[in-house]
Amino acid sequence: MSVDNILHEASAVLNAASRHSSKFPDIDEINNHIHRMRVLITRVAAHSYTTLDNNTNVAAELRELQDIKDVVLKKAEERFGNASKLLDEFRNAQNQILNL
């Protein structure tokens, strides 16, 4: 998957998670994931324009972003169930990006 697709997908999941974070049982954990996703999206996107810190490995940050996105999606599935319209918001945002 390309960097741009991962960034778009992560941004869509971030937006859905931000809107519904208060509905997760462990709000602090989700908020930590949301914060980390924001940081990683910014850093990975910035890599397109400039070099990140000398010791920063963008591939590692990209993997971490993908991992956090997957964790948030899994938590949404656990919280809202597969049949939930709310979960569809997470999935539809992700599917719209995949169809670009």
PDB file of N, CA and C in Angstrom:
ATOM      1  N   MET A   1       0.850  -1.167   0.000  1.00  0.00           N
ATOM      2  CA  MET A   1       0.000   0.000   0.000  1.00  0.00           C
ATOM      3  C   MET A   1       0.898   1.233   0.000  1.00  0.00           C
ATOM      4  N   SER A   2       0.517   2.237  -0.765  1.00  0.00           N
ATOM      5  CA  SER A   2       1.343   3.434  -0.868  1.00  0.00           C
ATOM      6  C   SER A   2       1.222   4.291   0.387  1.00  0.00           C
ATOM      7  N   VAL A   3       2.211   5.148   0.571  1.00  0.00           N
ATOM      8  CA  VAL A   3       2.213   6.056   1.713  1.00  0.00           C
ATOM      9  C   VAL A   3       0.970   6.942   1.682  1.00  0.00           C
ATOM     10  N   ASP A   4       0.633   7.459   0.502  1.00  0.00           N
ATOM     11  CA  ASP A   4      -0.540   8.327   0.395  1.00  0.00           C
ATOM     12  C   ASP A   4      -1.817   7.599   0.801  1.00  0.00           C
ATOM     13  N   ASN A   5      -1.972   6.351   0.363  1.00  0.00           N
ATOM     14  CA  ASN A   5      -3.166   5.590   0.728  1.00  0.00           C
ATOM     15  C   ASN A   5      -3.231   5.347   2.228  1.00  0.00           C
ATOM     16  N   ILE A   6      -2.093   5.007   2.823  1.00  0.00           N
ATOM     17  CA  ILE A   6      -2.069   4.787   4.276  1.00  0.00           C
ATOM     18  C   ILE A   6      -2.411   6.078   5.011  1.00  0.00           C
ATOM     19  N   LEU A   7      -1.880   7.199   4.546  1.00  0.00           N
ATOM     20  CA  LEU A   7      -2.188   8.482   5.181  1.00  0.00           C
ATOM     21  C   LEU A   7      -3.670   8.821   5.059  1.00  0.00           C
ATOM     22  N   HIS A   8      -4.244   8.621   3.897  1.00  0.00           N
ATOM     23  CA  HIS A   8      -5.665   8.907   3.705  1.00  0.00           C
ATOM     24  C   HIS A   8      -6.525   7.991   4.563  1.00  0.00           C
ATOM     25  N   GLU A   9      -6.189   6.717   4.575  1.00  0.00           N
ATOM     26  CA  GLU A   9      -6.939   5.737   5.359  1.00  0.00           C
ATOM     27  C   GLU A   9      -6.842   6.058   6.848  1.00  0.00           C
ATOM     28  N   ALA A  10      -5.637   6.342   7.314  1.00  0.00           N
ATOM     29  CA  ALA A  10      -5.440   6.676   8.728  1.00  0.00           C
ATOM     30  C   ALA A  10      -6.183   7.960   9.091  1.00  0.00           C
ATOM     31  N   SER A  11      -6.197   8.926   8.197  1.00  0.00           N
ATOM     32  CA  SER A  11      -6.921  10.174   8.453  1.00  0.00           C
ATOM     33  C   SER A  11      -8.414   9.938   8.566  1.00  0.00           C
ATOM     34  N   ALA A  12      -8.949   9.072   7.710  1.00  0.00           N
ATOM     35  CA  ALA A  12     -10.379   8.760   7.764  1.00  0.00           C
ATOM     36  C   ALA A  12     -10.730   8.062   9.074  1.00  0.00           C
ATOM     37  N   VAL A  13      -9.905   7.102   9.489  1.00  0.00           N
ATOM     38  CA  VAL A  13     -10.145   6.402  10.746  1.00  0.00           C
ATOM     39  C   VAL A  13      -9.977   7.371  11.920  1.00  0.00           C
ATOM     40  N   LEU A  14      -8.984   8.239  11.843  1.00  0.00           N
ATOM     41  CA  LEU A  14      -8.773   9.238  12.893  1.00  0.00           C
ATOM     42  C   LEU A  14     -10.003  10.128  13.048  1.00  0.00           C
ATOM     43  N   ASN A  15     -10.563  10.590  11.932  1.00  0.00           N
ATOM     44  CA  ASN A  15     -11.745  11.445  12.009  1.00  0.00           C
ATOM     45  C   ASN A  15     -12.915  10.722  12.654  1.00  0.00           C
ATOM     46  N   ALA A  16     -13.156   9.477  12.254  1.00  0.00           N
ATOM     47  CA  ALA A  16     -14.255   8.708  12.842  1.00  0.00           C
ATOM     48  C   ALA A  16     -13.998   8.456  14.324  1.00  0.00           C
ATOM     49  N   ALA A  17     -12.777   8.092  14.672  1.00  0.00           N
ATOM     50  CA  ALA A  17     -12.436   7.827  16.081  1.00  0.00           C
ATOM     51  C   ALA A  17     -12.567   9.089  16.919  1.00  0.00           C
ATOM     52  N   SER A  18     -12.166  10.220  16.370  1.00  0.00           N
ATOM     53  CA  SER A  18     -12.265  11.483  17.107  1.00  0.00           C
ATOM     54  C   SER A  18     -13.724  11.838  17.399  1.00  0.00           C
ATOM     55  N   ARG A  19     -14.587  11.618  16.406  1.00  0.00           N
ATOM     56  CA  ARG A  19     -16.003  11.933  16.586  1.00  0.00           C
ATOM     57  C   ARG A  19     -16.666  11.040  17.634  1.00  0.00           C
ATOM     58  N   HIS A  20     -16.187   9.814  17.775  1.00  0.00           N
ATOM     59  CA  HIS A  20     -16.873   8.848  18.621  1.00  0.00           C
ATOM     60  C   HIS A  20     -16.035   8.366  19.804  1.00  0.00           C
ATOM     61  N   SER A  21     -14.974   9.058  20.126  1.00  0.00           N
ATOM     62  CA  SER A  21     -14.070   8.589  21.189  1.00  0.00           C
ATOM     63  C   SER A  21     -14.770   8.442  22.536  1.00  0.00           C
ATOM     64  N   SER A  22     -15.740   9.276  22.811  1.00  0.00           N
ATOM     65  CA  SER A  22     -16.415   9.210  24.111  1.00  0.00           C
ATOM     66  C   SER A  22     -17.272   7.955  24.264  1.00  0.00           C
ATOM     67  N   LYS A  23     -17.521   7.244  23.173  1.00  0.00           N
ATOM     68  CA  LYS A  23     -18.353   6.039  23.225  1.00  0.00           C
ATOM     69  C   LYS A  23     -17.540   4.774  23.486  1.00  0.00           C
ATOM     70  N   PHE A  24     -16.219   4.898  23.512  1.00  0.00           N
ATOM     71  CA  PHE A  24     -15.366   3.741  23.805  1.00  0.00           C
ATOM     72  C   PHE A  24     -15.255   3.584  25.316  1.00  0.00           C
ATOM     73  N   PRO A  25     -15.175   2.327  25.798  1.00  0.00           N
ATOM     74  CA  PRO A  25     -15.118   2.113  27.241  1.00  0.00           C
ATOM     75  C   PRO A  25     -13.860   2.699  27.892  1.00  0.00           C
ATOM     76  N   ASP A  26     -12.735   2.643  27.221  1.00  0.00           N
ATOM     77  CA  ASP A  26     -11.490   3.176  27.767  1.00  0.00           C
ATOM     78  C   ASP A  26     -11.115   4.439  26.985  1.00  0.00           C
ATOM     79  N   ILE A  27     -11.719   5.544  27.382  1.00  0.00           N
ATOM     80  CA  ILE A  27     -11.554   6.807  26.662  1.00  0.00           C
ATOM     81  C   ILE A  27     -10.091   7.243  26.644  1.00  0.00           C
ATOM     82  N   ASP A  28      -9.388   7.077  27.762  1.00  0.00           N
ATOM     83  CA  ASP A  28      -7.989   7.506  27.816  1.00  0.00           C
ATOM     84  C   ASP A  28      -7.127   6.756  26.804  1.00  0.00           C
ATOM     85  N   GLU A  29      -7.341   5.455  26.681  1.00  0.00           N
ATOM     86  CA  GLU A  29      -6.551   4.660  25.738  1.00  0.00           C
ATOM     87  C   GLU A  29      -6.836   5.089  24.300  1.00  0.00           C
ATOM     88  N   ILE A  30      -8.101   5.256  23.962  1.00  0.00           N
ATOM     89  CA  ILE A  30      -8.460   5.693  22.608  1.00  0.00           C
ATOM     90  C   ILE A  30      -7.901   7.084  22.349  1.00  0.00           C
ATOM     91  N   ASN A  31      -8.006   7.973  23.312  1.00  0.00           N
ATOM     92  CA  ASN A  31      -7.461   9.320  23.125  1.00  0.00           C
ATOM     93  C   ASN A  31      -5.954   9.290  22.928  1.00  0.00           C
ATOM     94  N   ASN A  32      -5.266   8.376  23.609  1.00  0.00           N
ATOM     95  CA  ASN A  32      -3.820   8.225  23.386  1.00  0.00           C
ATOM     96  C   ASN A  32      -3.537   7.758  21.967  1.00  0.00           C
ATOM     97  N   HIS A  33      -4.322   6.800  21.473  1.00  0.00           N
ATOM     98  CA  HIS A  33      -4.162   6.330  20.089  1.00  0.00           C
ATOM     99  C   HIS A  33      -4.457   7.459  19.102  1.00  0.00           C
ATOM    100  N   ILE A  34      -5.507   8.226  19.367  1.00  0.00           N
ATOM    101  CA  ILE A  34      -5.864   9.343  18.492  1.00  0.00           C
ATOM    102  C   ILE A  34      -4.731  10.354  18.447  1.00  0.00           C
ATOM    103  N   HIS A  35      -4.187  10.681  19.614  1.00  0.00           N
ATOM    104  CA  HIS A  35      -3.071  11.630  19.659  1.00  0.00           C
ATOM    105  C   HIS A  35      -1.869  11.101  18.876  1.00  0.00           C
ATOM    106  N   ARG A  36      -1.534   9.845  19.093  1.00  0.00           N
ATOM    107  CA  ARG A  36      -0.372   9.259  18.401  1.00  0.00           C
ATOM    108  C   ARG A  36      -0.607   9.214  16.890  1.00  0.00           C
ATOM    109  N   MET A  37      -1.834   8.910  16.473  1.00  0.00           N
ATOM    110  CA  MET A  37      -2.139   8.918  15.038  1.00  0.00           C
ATOM    111  C   MET A  37      -1.935  10.311  14.446  1.00  0.00           C
ATOM    112  N   ARG A  38      -2.375  11.336  15.161  1.00  0.00           N
ATOM    113  CA  ARG A  38      -2.185  12.720  14.673  1.00  0.00           C
ATOM    114  C   ARG A  38      -0.701  13.024  14.486  1.00  0.00           C
ATOM    115  N   VAL A  39       0.087  12.654  15.491  1.00  0.00           N
ATOM    116  CA  VAL A  39       1.532  12.908  15.423  1.00  0.00           C
ATOM    117  C   VAL A  39       2.147  12.164  14.242  1.00  0.00           C
ATOM    118  N   LEU A  40       1.817  10.893  14.103  1.00  0.00           N
ATOM    119  CA  LEU A  40       2.408  10.078  13.026  1.00  0.00           C
ATOM    120  C   LEU A  40       1.951  10.548  11.651  1.00  0.00           C
ATOM    121  N   ILE A  41       0.688  10.892  11.507  1.00  0.00           N
ATOM    122  CA  ILE A  41       0.206  11.398  10.218  1.00  0.00           C
ATOM    123  C   ILE A  41       0.973  12.652   9.828  1.00  0.00           C
ATOM    124  N   THR A  42       1.156  13.535  10.787  1.00  0.00           N
ATOM    125  CA  THR A  42       1.882  14.779  10.518  1.00  0.00           C
ATOM    126  C   THR A  42       3.331  14.504  10.138  1.00  0.00           C
ATOM    127  N   ARG A  43       3.985  13.638  10.882  1.00  0.00           N
ATOM    128  CA  ARG A  43       5.403  13.360  10.617  1.00  0.00           C
ATOM    129  C   ARG A  43       5.603  12.635   9.293  1.00  0.00           C
ATOM    130  N   VAL A  44       4.752  11.648   9.008  1.00  0.00           N
ATOM    131  CA  VAL A  44       4.891  10.907   7.758  1.00  0.00           C
ATOM    132  C   VAL A  44       4.575  11.809   6.570  1.00  0.00           C
ATOM    133  N   ALA A  45       3.537  12.632   6.699  1.00  0.00           N
ATOM    134  CA  ALA A  45       3.202  13.562   5.618  1.00  0.00           C
ATOM    135  C   ALA A  45       4.322  14.573   5.402  1.00  0.00           C
ATOM    136  N   ALA A  46       4.909  15.045   6.483  1.00  0.00           N
ATOM    137  CA  ALA A  46       5.996  16.021   6.369  1.00  0.00           C
ATOM    138  C   ALA A  46       7.199  15.433   5.656  1.00  0.00           C
ATOM    139  N   HIS A  47       7.376  14.131   5.755  1.00  0.00           N
ATOM    140  CA  HIS A  47       8.511  13.474   5.113  1.00  0.00           C
ATOM    141  C   HIS A  47       8.492  13.686   3.598  1.00  0.00           C
ATOM    142  N   SER A  48       7.310  13.868   3.036  1.00  0.00           N
ATOM    143  CA  SER A  48       7.198  14.117   1.594  1.00  0.00           C
ATOM    144  C   SER A  48       7.850  15.433   1.196  1.00  0.00           C
ATOM    145  N   TYR A  49       7.937  16.346   2.112  1.00  0.00           N
ATOM    146  CA  TYR A  49       8.441  17.682   1.805  1.00  0.00           C
ATOM    147  C   TYR A  49       9.824  17.980   2.355  1.00  0.00           C
ATOM    148  N   THR A  50      10.198  17.279   3.389  1.00  0.00           N
ATOM    149  CA  THR A  50      11.469  17.592   4.037  1.00  0.00           C
ATOM    150  C   THR A  50      11.984  16.340   4.739  1.00  0.00           C
ATOM    151  N   THR A  51      13.204  16.364   5.179  1.00  0.00           N
ATOM    152  CA  THR A  51      13.767  15.255   5.931  1.00  0.00           C
ATOM    153  C   THR A  51      13.380  15.400   7.388  1.00  0.00           C
ATOM    154  N   LEU A  52      12.927  14.294   7.977  1.00  0.00           N
ATOM    155  CA  LEU A  52      12.586  14.320   9.392  1.00  0.00           C
ATOM    156  C   LEU A  52      13.862  14.331  10.225  1.00  0.00           C
ATOM    157  N   ASP A  53      13.684  14.349  11.534  1.00  0.00           N
ATOM    158  CA  ASP A  53      14.845  14.352  12.433  1.00  0.00           C
ATOM    159  C   ASP A  53      15.880  13.331  11.970  1.00  0.00           C
ATOM    160  N   ASN A  54      17.136  13.607  12.235  1.00  0.00           N
ATOM    161  CA  ASN A  54      18.234  12.774  11.754  1.00  0.00           C
ATOM    162  C   ASN A  54      18.055  11.286  12.060  1.00  0.00           C
ATOM    163  N   ASN A  55      17.525  10.961  13.205  1.00  0.00           N
ATOM    164  CA  ASN A  55      17.410   9.561  13.609  1.00  0.00           C
ATOM    165  C   ASN A  55      16.040   8.960  13.331  1.00  0.00           C
ATOM    166  N   THR A  56      15.187   9.688  12.652  1.00  0.00           N
ATOM    167  CA  THR A  56      13.831   9.207  12.418  1.00  0.00           C
ATOM    168  C   THR A  56      13.793   8.284  11.214  1.00  0.00           C
ATOM    169  N   ASN A  57      13.157   7.162  11.400  1.00  0.00           N
ATOM    170  CA  ASN A  57      12.985   6.202  10.324  1.00  0.00           C
ATOM    171  C   ASN A  57      11.523   6.260   9.896  1.00  0.00           C
ATOM    172  N   VAL A  58      11.250   6.869   8.734  1.00  0.00           N
ATOM    173  CA  VAL A  58       9.868   7.061   8.298  1.00  0.00           C
ATOM    174  C   VAL A  58       9.165   5.727   8.076  1.00  0.00           C
ATOM    175  N   ALA A  59       9.865   4.712   7.647  1.00  0.00           N
ATOM    176  CA  ALA A  59       9.243   3.401   7.447  1.00  0.00           C
ATOM    177  C   ALA A  59       8.720   2.851   8.773  1.00  0.00           C
ATOM    178  N   ALA A  60       9.468   3.039   9.836  1.00  0.00           N
ATOM    179  CA  ALA A  60       9.037   2.577  11.159  1.00  0.00           C
ATOM    180  C   ALA A  60       7.803   3.356  11.614  1.00  0.00           C
ATOM    181  N   GLU A  61       7.789   4.649  11.360  1.00  0.00           N
ATOM    182  CA  GLU A  61       6.638   5.463  11.743  1.00  0.00           C
ATOM    183  C   GLU A  61       5.413   5.089  10.909  1.00  0.00           C
ATOM    184  N   LEU A  62       5.630   4.780   9.659  1.00  0.00           N
ATOM    185  CA  LEU A  62       4.534   4.364   8.793  1.00  0.00           C
ATOM    186  C   LEU A  62       3.948   3.038   9.279  1.00  0.00           C
ATOM    187  N   ARG A  63       4.800   2.106   9.662  1.00  0.00           N
ATOM    188  CA  ARG A  63       4.327   0.830  10.223  1.00  0.00           C
ATOM    189  C   ARG A  63       3.559   1.058  11.524  1.00  0.00           C
ATOM    190  N   GLU A  64       4.084   1.946  12.366  1.00  0.00           N
ATOM    191  CA  GLU A  64       3.406   2.236  13.631  1.00  0.00           C
ATOM    192  C   GLU A  64       2.041   2.861  13.367  1.00  0.00           C
ATOM    193  N   LEU A  65       1.970   3.762  12.400  1.00  0.00           N
ATOM    194  CA  LEU A  65       0.698   4.381  12.040  1.00  0.00           C
ATOM    195  C   LEU A  65      -0.300   3.328  11.580  1.00  0.00           C
ATOM    196  N   GLN A  66       0.151   2.421  10.725  1.00  0.00           N
ATOM    197  CA  GLN A  66      -0.713   1.339  10.245  1.00  0.00           C
ATOM    198  C   GLN A  66      -1.174   0.465  11.409  1.00  0.00           C
ATOM    199  N   ASP A  67      -0.266   0.157  12.334  1.00  0.00           N
ATOM    200  CA  ASP A  67      -0.601  -0.672  13.497  1.00  0.00           C
ATOM    201  C   ASP A  67      -1.640   0.013  14.391  1.00  0.00           C
ATOM    202  N   ILE A  68      -1.445   1.297  14.658  1.00  0.00           N
ATOM    203  CA  ILE A  68      -2.383   2.028  15.518  1.00  0.00           C
ATOM    204  C   ILE A  68      -3.745   2.124  14.846  1.00  0.00           C
ATOM    205  N   LYS A  69      -3.753   2.372  13.544  1.00  0.00           N
ATOM    206  CA  LYS A  69      -5.010   2.424  12.803  1.00  0.00           C
ATOM    207  C   LYS A  69      -5.747   1.092  12.945  1.00  0.00           C
ATOM    208  N   ASP A  70      -5.017  -0.018  12.800  1.00  0.00           N
ATOM    209  CA  ASP A  70      -5.620  -1.342  12.930  1.00  0.00           C
ATOM    210  C   ASP A  70      -6.153  -1.591  14.348  1.00  0.00           C
ATOM    211  N   VAL A  71      -5.429  -1.114  15.371  1.00  0.00           N
ATOM    212  CA  VAL A  71      -5.878  -1.261  16.761  1.00  0.00           C
ATOM    213  C   VAL A  71      -7.176  -0.491  16.969  1.00  0.00           C
ATOM    214  N   VAL A  72      -7.242   0.731  16.468  1.00  0.00           N
ATOM    215  CA  VAL A  72      -8.448   1.542  16.627  1.00  0.00           C
ATOM    216  C   VAL A  72      -9.626   0.880  15.919  1.00  0.00           C
ATOM    217  N   LEU A  73      -9.396   0.355  14.719  1.00  0.00           N
ATOM    218  CA  LEU A  73     -10.468  -0.345  14.004  1.00  0.00           C
ATOM    219  C   LEU A  73     -10.936  -1.579  14.780  1.00  0.00           C
ATOM    220  N   LYS A  74      -9.988  -2.322  15.347  1.00  0.00           N
ATOM    221  CA  LYS A  74     -10.343  -3.520  16.111  1.00  0.00           C
ATOM    222  C   LYS A  74     -11.148  -3.137  17.352  1.00  0.00           C
ATOM    223  N   LYS A  75     -10.735  -2.079  18.037  1.00  0.00           N
ATOM    224  CA  LYS A  75     -11.468  -1.628  19.218  1.00  0.00           C
ATOM    225  C   LYS A  75     -12.866  -1.154  18.837  1.00  0.00           C
ATOM    226  N   ALA A  76     -12.991  -0.515  17.680  1.00  0.00           N
ATOM    227  CA  ALA A  76     -14.310  -0.088  17.213  1.00  0.00           C
ATOM    228  C   ALA A  76     -15.192  -1.304  16.942  1.00  0.00           C
ATOM    229  N   GLU A  77     -14.615  -2.346  16.345  1.00  0.00           N
ATOM    230  CA  GLU A  77     -15.375  -3.581  16.104  1.00  0.00           C
ATOM    231  C   GLU A  77     -15.824  -4.203  17.416  1.00  0.00           C
ATOM    232  N   GLU A  78     -14.908  -4.241  18.397  1.00  0.00           N
ATOM    233  CA  GLU A  78     -15.241  -4.823  19.696  1.00  0.00           C
ATOM    234  C   GLU A  78     -16.325  -4.013  20.394  1.00  0.00           C
ATOM    235  N   ARG A  79     -16.224  -2.702  20.291  1.00  0.00           N
ATOM    236  CA  ARG A  79     -17.156  -1.829  21.003  1.00  0.00           C
ATOM    237  C   ARG A  79     -18.520  -1.767  20.327  1.00  0.00           C
ATOM    238  N   PHE A  80     -18.536  -1.638  19.003  1.00  0.00           N
ATOM    239  CA  PHE A  80     -19.787  -1.366  18.309  1.00  0.00           C
ATOM    240  C   PHE A  80     -20.387  -2.582  17.618  1.00  0.00           C
ATOM    241  N   GLY A  81     -19.632  -3.661  17.518  1.00  0.00           N
ATOM    242  CA  GLY A  81     -20.143  -4.863  16.871  1.00  0.00           C
ATOM    243  C   GLY A  81     -20.157  -4.741  15.357  1.00  0.00           C
ATOM    244  N   ASN A  82     -20.128  -5.881  14.705  1.00  0.00           N
ATOM    245  CA  ASN A  82     -20.022  -5.901  13.246  1.00  0.00           C
ATOM    246  C   ASN A  82     -21.241  -5.336  12.537  1.00  0.00           C
ATOM    247  N   ALA A  83     -22.408  -5.386  13.163  1.00  0.00           N
ATOM    248  CA  ALA A  83     -23.629  -4.944  12.503  1.00  0.00           C
ATOM    249  C   ALA A  83     -23.944  -3.468  12.763  1.00  0.00           C
ATOM    250  N   SER A  84     -23.136  -2.816  13.535  1.00  0.00           N
ATOM    251  CA  SER A  84     -23.407  -1.437  13.934  1.00  0.00           C
ATOM    252  C   SER A  84     -23.238  -0.463  12.784  1.00  0.00           C
ATOM    253  N   LYS A  85     -24.183   0.478  12.676  1.00  0.00           N
ATOM    254  CA  LYS A  85     -24.058   1.545  11.675  1.00  0.00           C
ATOM    255  C   LYS A  85     -22.863   2.437  12.003  1.00  0.00           C
ATOM    256  N   LEU A  86     -22.562   2.565  13.288  1.00  0.00           N
ATOM    257  CA  LEU A  86     -21.424   3.369  13.697  1.00  0.00           C
ATOM    258  C   LEU A  86     -20.120   2.761  13.193  1.00  0.00           C
ATOM    259  N   LEU A  87     -19.993   1.454  13.284  1.00  0.00           N
ATOM    260  CA  LEU A  87     -18.799   0.794  12.757  1.00  0.00           C
ATOM    261  C   LEU A  87     -18.708   0.979  11.252  1.00  0.00           C
ATOM    262  N   ASP A  88     -19.855   1.022  10.589  1.00  0.00           N
ATOM    263  CA  ASP A  88     -19.860   1.266   9.141  1.00  0.00           C
ATOM    264  C   ASP A  88     -19.177   2.585   8.802  1.00  0.00           C
ATOM    265  N   GLU A  89     -19.279   3.564   9.688  1.00  0.00           N
ATOM    266  CA  GLU A  89     -18.611   4.851   9.452  1.00  0.00           C
ATOM    267  C   GLU A  89     -17.099   4.670   9.387  1.00  0.00           C
ATOM    268  N   PHE A  90     -16.549   3.839  10.262  1.00  0.00           N
ATOM    269  CA  PHE A  90     -15.113   3.551  10.229  1.00  0.00           C
ATOM    270  C   PHE A  90     -14.764   2.792   8.951  1.00  0.00           C
ATOM    271  N   ARG A  91     -15.563   1.780   8.654  1.00  0.00           N
ATOM    272  CA  ARG A  91     -15.277   0.939   7.489  1.00  0.00           C
ATOM    273  C   ARG A  91     -15.519   1.668   6.178  1.00  0.00           C
ATOM    274  N   ASN A  92     -16.601   2.430   6.080  1.00  0.00           N
ATOM    275  CA  ASN A  92     -16.897   3.135   4.842  1.00  0.00           C
ATOM    276  C   ASN A  92     -15.839   4.180   4.543  1.00  0.00           C
ATOM    277  N   ALA A  93     -15.357   4.844   5.568  1.00  0.00           N
ATOM    278  CA  ALA A  93     -14.285   5.817   5.361  1.00  0.00           C
ATOM    279  C   ALA A  93     -13.056   5.113   4.825  1.00  0.00           C
ATOM    280  N   GLN A  94     -12.753   3.944   5.368  1.00  0.00           N
ATOM    281  CA  GLN A  94     -11.604   3.189   4.928  1.00  0.00           C
ATOM    282  C   GLN A  94     -11.831   2.668   3.505  1.00  0.00           C
ATOM    283  N   ASN A  95     -13.008   2.147   3.199  1.00  0.00           N
ATOM    284  CA  ASN A  95     -13.299   1.622   1.872  1.00  0.00           C
ATOM    285  C   ASN A  95     -13.294   2.698   0.805  1.00  0.00           C
ATOM    286  N   GLN A  96     -13.762   3.892   1.136  1.00  0.00           N
ATOM    287  CA  GLN A  96     -13.749   4.997   0.179  1.00  0.00           C
ATOM    288  C   GLN A  96     -12.314   5.317  -0.212  1.00  0.00           C
ATOM    289  N   ILE A  97     -11.417   5.279   0.736  1.00  0.00           N
ATOM    290  CA  ILE A  97     -10.004   5.556   0.447  1.00  0.00           C
ATOM    291  C   ILE A  97      -9.429   4.453  -0.421  1.00  0.00           C
ATOM    292  N   LEU A  98      -9.752   3.210  -0.124  1.00  0.00           N
ATOM    293  CA  LEU A  98      -9.212   2.097  -0.890  1.00  0.00           C
ATOM    294  C   LEU A  98      -9.681   2.119  -2.332  1.00  0.00           C
ATOM    295  N   ASN A  99     -10.808   2.748  -2.594  1.00  0.00           N
ATOM    296  CA  ASN A  99     -11.338   2.799  -3.942  1.00  0.00           C
ATOM    297  C   ASN A  99     -10.799   3.972  -4.750  1.00  0.00           C
ATOM    298  N   LEU A 100      -9.927   4.776  -4.165  1.00  0.00           N
ATOM    299  CA  LEU A 100      -9.339   5.907  -4.904  1.00  0.00           C
ATOM    300  C   LEU A 100      -8.460   5.436  -6.029  1.00  0.00           C
TER     301      LEU A 100
END
